[in-house]
Every structure is written in structure tokens, then in C-alpha cells.
Amino acid sequence: MPNNINRHAEQAARLLVDAFADDNARFADITRRGQRHFEKRDWLAARRDAVARIEL
């Protein structure tokens, strides 16, 4: 029984780490895009990027 619990815990931990890494990468992508929009003074696109980060 303890082996099953450890295996399930390891699987759950892997899922959490993978999900965090995915969200972190998506956040970084949106942030880079947002910086480009800000630097171009494309305020509407910059606002959409800010909303996208919040909704992530």
C-alpha cells in the first residue's frame, strides 16, 4: 500500500510541476509580448496582454 501512495504522490507532484512550468512559460511569453506592445505605444494591445496575464 505505501508504494502505491508514494507512486501516486510522485505522479501528482510531476503534474503540478509540469502545470506550473507551463503557466510560467505562458506568463513569460505574454509579458514579453506586452513589453513590445508597450514600447510601440500600442496601448490597446498592451491592455489585452495585461488582461491575459491576469486571466492566466
Protein backbone atom coordinates (compact mmCIF):
# COMPACT_ATOMS: atom_id res chain seq x y z
CA MET A 1 0.00 0.00 0.00
CA PRO A 2 2.70 2.60 0.86
CA ASN A 3 4.31 2.02 -2.56
CA ASN A 4 1.01 2.93 -4.26
CA ILE A 5 0.70 6.06 -2.15
CA ASN A 6 4.28 7.10 -2.98
CA ARG A 7 3.72 6.42 -6.68
CA HIS A 8 0.52 8.47 -6.70
CA ALA A 9 2.20 11.28 -4.76
CA GLU A 10 5.08 11.34 -7.26
CA GLN A 11 2.65 11.41 -10.19
CA ALA A 12 0.69 14.25 -8.60
CA ALA A 13 3.87 16.19 -7.89
CA ARG A 14 5.02 15.77 -11.50
CA LEU A 15 1.66 17.03 -12.76
CA LEU A 16 1.88 20.09 -10.53
CA VAL A 17 5.44 20.88 -11.56
CA ASP A 18 4.58 20.48 -15.26
CA ALA A 19 1.47 22.67 -14.92
CA PHE A 20 3.46 25.35 -13.09
CA ALA A 21 6.20 25.30 -15.73
CA ASP A 22 3.60 25.62 -18.50
CA ASP A 23 1.84 28.53 -16.80
CA ASN A 24 5.16 30.21 -16.07
CA ALA A 25 6.24 29.92 -19.71
CA ARG A 26 2.91 31.28 -20.94
CA PHE A 27 3.13 34.18 -18.48
CA ALA A 28 6.66 34.99 -19.67
CA ASP A 29 5.56 34.90 -23.32
CA ILE A 30 2.66 37.26 -22.66
CA THR A 31 4.93 39.57 -20.66
CA ARG A 32 7.49 39.78 -23.49
CA ARG A 33 4.71 40.47 -25.97
CA GLY A 34 3.29 43.07 -23.61
CA GLN A 35 6.64 44.83 -23.40
CA ARG A 36 6.87 45.05 -27.19
CA HIS A 37 3.34 46.48 -27.36
CA PHE A 38 4.13 48.98 -24.61
CA GLU A 39 7.33 50.09 -26.34
CA LYS A 40 5.39 50.58 -29.59
CA ARG A 41 2.77 52.53 -27.63
CA ASP A 42 0.10 50.10 -28.78
CA TRP A 43 -1.99 50.70 -25.68
CA LEU A 44 -4.93 48.51 -26.70
CA ALA A 45 -2.70 45.50 -27.32
CA ALA A 46 -0.76 46.20 -24.10
CA ARG A 47 -4.03 46.25 -22.19
CA ARG A 48 -5.08 42.94 -23.77
CA ASP A 49 -1.76 41.45 -22.68
CA ALA A 50 -2.27 42.68 -19.13
CA VAL A 51 -5.73 41.11 -19.06
CA ALA A 52 -4.33 37.87 -20.49
CA ARG A 53 -1.75 37.69 -17.69
CA ILE A 54 -4.44 38.22 -15.08
CA GLU A 55 -6.72 35.61 -16.61
CA LEU A 56 -3.91 33.08 -16.88
